[in-house]
Amino acid sequence: MSLAEIESERSLNPVDLIEQVATVNQWEFERFTDDEINLSVTGVWTDYSVSFSWIEDFEALHLACAFDQKVSEGRTAETIRLLSLINEQMLIGHFDLWAKEGTVMFRQALLLNGGAEPTDSQLECMLASALDSCERYYQAFQFVVWAGHSADEAISAALFETHGNA
């Protein structure tokens, strides 16, 4: 018998814990099913729709963070090039382009194999890292999609570190 064949009991659906964290932080949310919750989070540049889904077969908590950024067909190739440049910089998670909808999305997963339970800190960190990544690169997507700049120009602007506020 392999270790993967050992069944373990999970005391709490990880999405229930997300709901508790959202309630404590007074975040707006909707719970569509037992295994999915959507949060609305206001960022500096835009509002984000964050979805957490529990995928039982993989024992994975999946996070998807979308923002209002429709990519036209004429800017798809350059946006994909930008995604590649951004994803090279990422330690956790990645950006995707959902071609059918023309939507840019950040995604990551937390594996909880063997009945592991997520902590509040892990969930808050997961959400914070997603929002930090979206905030950091939002302007780069704007440069490519709306301003018509190249992916190289956009990534250079996004990686430029500023300090303080004007």
Protein backbone atom coordinates (compact mmCIF):
# COMPACT_ATOMS: atom_id res chain seq x y z
CA MET A 1 0.00 0.00 0.00
CA SER A 2 1.30 3.45 -0.90
CA LEU A 3 0.98 6.51 1.29
CA ALA A 4 -1.45 8.00 -1.27
CA GLU A 5 -3.92 5.18 -0.57
CA ILE A 6 -4.31 6.06 3.11
CA GLU A 7 -7.57 7.91 3.64
CA SER A 8 -7.55 10.82 6.05
CA GLU A 9 -10.45 12.74 7.51
CA ARG A 10 -10.71 16.49 6.98
CA SER A 11 -12.37 18.24 9.90
CA LEU A 12 -13.21 21.42 7.99
CA ASN A 13 -13.76 22.36 4.36
CA PRO A 14 -11.02 24.93 3.61
CA VAL A 15 -13.63 27.19 1.99
CA ASP A 16 -15.39 27.40 5.37
CA LEU A 17 -12.18 28.82 6.81
CA ILE A 18 -11.97 31.35 3.95
CA GLU A 19 -15.50 32.46 4.83
CA GLN A 20 -14.47 32.91 8.46
CA VAL A 21 -11.41 34.96 7.45
CA ALA A 22 -13.57 37.08 5.09
CA THR A 23 -16.13 37.68 7.83
CA VAL A 24 -13.50 38.73 10.38
CA ASN A 25 -11.93 41.11 7.85
CA GLN A 26 -15.35 42.42 6.75
CA TRP A 27 -14.71 41.51 3.12
CA GLU A 28 -17.69 41.30 0.79
CA PHE A 29 -18.23 37.70 -0.34
CA GLU A 30 -20.67 35.29 -1.96
CA ARG A 31 -20.80 31.57 -1.32
CA PHE A 32 -22.25 29.73 -4.33
CA THR A 33 -21.51 26.14 -3.30
CA ASP A 34 -19.88 24.36 -0.38
CA ASP A 35 -16.63 24.28 -2.36
CA GLU A 36 -16.47 27.84 -3.72
CA ILE A 37 -16.45 31.39 -2.39
CA ASN A 38 -15.97 34.68 -4.23
CA LEU A 39 -14.57 37.78 -2.56
CA SER A 40 -14.65 41.38 -3.78
CA VAL A 41 -11.50 43.24 -2.82
CA THR A 42 -10.70 46.87 -3.59
CA GLY A 43 -7.13 47.52 -4.67
CA VAL A 44 -5.20 50.69 -5.45
CA TRP A 45 -5.64 50.38 -9.23
CA THR A 46 -8.89 48.43 -9.57
CA ASP A 47 -11.33 46.08 -7.87
CA TYR A 48 -10.48 42.39 -7.81
CA SER A 49 -12.75 39.38 -7.95
CA VAL A 50 -11.08 36.60 -5.97
CA SER A 51 -12.43 33.07 -6.13
CA PHE A 52 -11.35 30.25 -3.84
CA SER A 53 -12.33 26.74 -4.91
CA TRP A 54 -11.76 23.51 -3.01
CA ILE A 55 -10.85 20.72 -5.46
CA GLU A 56 -11.35 17.55 -3.44
CA ASP A 57 -9.80 15.16 -6.00
CA PHE A 58 -6.47 16.97 -5.74
CA GLU A 59 -6.87 18.17 -2.15
CA ALA A 60 -6.07 21.63 -3.44
CA LEU A 61 -7.41 25.06 -2.58
CA HIS A 62 -7.34 27.02 -5.83
CA LEU A 63 -7.27 30.82 -5.90
CA ALA A 64 -8.17 32.77 -9.03
CA CYS A 65 -7.97 36.57 -9.03
CA ALA A 66 -9.43 38.49 -11.96
CA PHE A 67 -9.60 42.18 -12.70
CA ASP A 68 -11.37 44.21 -15.33
CA GLN A 69 -8.85 43.96 -18.15
CA LYS A 70 -10.28 42.88 -21.49
CA VAL A 71 -7.58 42.08 -24.02
CA SER A 72 -8.54 42.78 -27.64
CA GLU A 73 -7.50 40.34 -30.36
CA GLY A 74 -5.01 42.88 -31.69
CA ARG A 75 -3.17 42.98 -28.34
CA THR A 76 -3.32 39.24 -27.50
CA ALA A 77 0.16 38.31 -28.78
CA GLU A 78 1.88 41.15 -26.94
CA THR A 79 -0.13 40.39 -23.78
CA ILE A 80 0.98 36.75 -23.90
CA ARG A 81 4.56 37.94 -24.28
CA LEU A 82 4.08 40.18 -21.23
CA LEU A 83 2.61 37.24 -19.28
CA SER A 84 5.73 35.25 -20.04
CA LEU A 85 8.01 38.06 -18.86
CA ILE A 86 5.98 38.54 -15.68
CA ASN A 87 5.75 34.82 -14.89
CA GLU A 88 9.57 34.59 -15.07
CA GLN A 89 9.61 36.98 -12.09
CA MET A 90 7.02 35.07 -10.04
CA LEU A 91 7.95 32.83 -7.13
CA ILE A 92 4.36 31.95 -6.19
CA GLY A 93 1.45 31.68 -8.62
CA HIS A 94 1.22 32.82 -12.23
CA PHE A 95 -0.79 34.95 -14.61
CA ASP A 96 -2.91 33.48 -17.41
CA LEU A 97 -4.87 34.90 -20.30
CA TRP A 98 -8.24 33.29 -20.69
CA ALA A 99 -8.42 33.75 -24.45
CA LYS A 100 -12.14 33.07 -24.87
CA GLU A 101 -13.06 35.83 -22.41
CA GLY A 102 -10.00 37.98 -23.10
CA THR A 103 -9.40 38.19 -19.35
CA VAL A 104 -6.12 38.32 -17.45
CA MET A 105 -6.16 36.22 -14.30
CA PHE A 106 -3.74 35.42 -11.48
CA ARG A 107 -3.85 31.84 -10.17
CA GLN A 108 -2.23 29.76 -7.48
CA ALA A 109 -3.05 26.69 -5.38
CA LEU A 110 -2.41 25.47 -1.87
CA LEU A 111 -1.97 21.69 -1.71
CA LEU A 112 -3.42 20.13 1.43
CA ASN A 113 -2.73 16.47 0.80
CA GLY A 114 -3.28 13.86 3.46
CA GLY A 115 -5.90 15.83 5.35
CA ALA A 116 -3.67 18.83 6.11
CA GLU A 117 -5.62 21.80 7.41
CA PRO A 118 -4.84 25.34 6.22
CA THR A 119 -4.10 28.01 8.80
CA ASP A 120 -5.52 31.53 8.86
CA SER A 121 -2.01 32.82 8.18
CA GLN A 122 -1.61 30.63 5.10
CA LEU A 123 -4.93 31.78 3.67
CA GLU A 124 -4.25 35.45 4.38
CA CYS A 125 -0.78 35.10 2.86
CA MET A 126 -2.21 33.37 -0.19
CA LEU A 127 -4.67 36.21 -0.73
CA ALA A 128 -2.11 38.92 0.03
CA SER A 129 0.44 37.50 -2.41
CA ALA A 130 -2.21 37.31 -5.14
CA LEU A 131 -3.30 40.91 -4.59
CA ASP A 132 0.30 42.13 -4.34
CA SER A 133 1.10 40.48 -7.68
CA CYS A 134 -1.99 41.94 -9.36
CA GLU A 135 -1.28 45.42 -7.99
CA ARG A 136 2.38 45.23 -9.00
CA TYR A 137 1.69 44.28 -12.63
CA TYR A 138 -1.68 45.95 -13.28
CA GLN A 139 -0.05 48.99 -14.87
CA ALA A 140 2.09 46.78 -17.12
CA PHE A 141 -1.08 45.20 -18.50
CA GLN A 142 -2.56 48.68 -18.98
CA PHE A 143 0.55 49.77 -20.91
CA VAL A 144 0.25 46.82 -23.30
CA VAL A 145 -3.54 46.54 -23.65
CA TRP A 146 -4.60 50.20 -23.66
CA ALA A 147 -1.49 52.26 -24.41
CA GLY A 148 -0.11 49.93 -27.10
CA HIS A 149 3.39 49.64 -25.59
CA SER A 150 5.57 46.57 -26.05
CA ALA A 151 5.84 43.90 -23.37
CA ASP A 152 9.48 44.89 -22.79
CA GLU A 153 8.55 48.53 -22.15
CA ALA A 154 5.71 47.50 -19.86
CA ILE A 155 7.76 45.10 -17.76
CA SER A 156 10.53 47.68 -17.39
CA ALA A 157 8.02 50.19 -16.05
CA ALA A 158 6.48 47.61 -13.68
CA LEU A 159 9.83 46.55 -12.25
CA PHE A 160 10.91 50.16 -11.61
CA GLU A 161 10.87 50.59 -7.82
CA THR A 162 9.46 53.81 -6.41
CA HIS A 163 9.48 54.88 -2.78
CA GLY A 164 6.87 57.02 -1.07
CA ASN A 165 3.90 58.89 -2.51
CA ALA A 166 3.75 62.20 -4.32
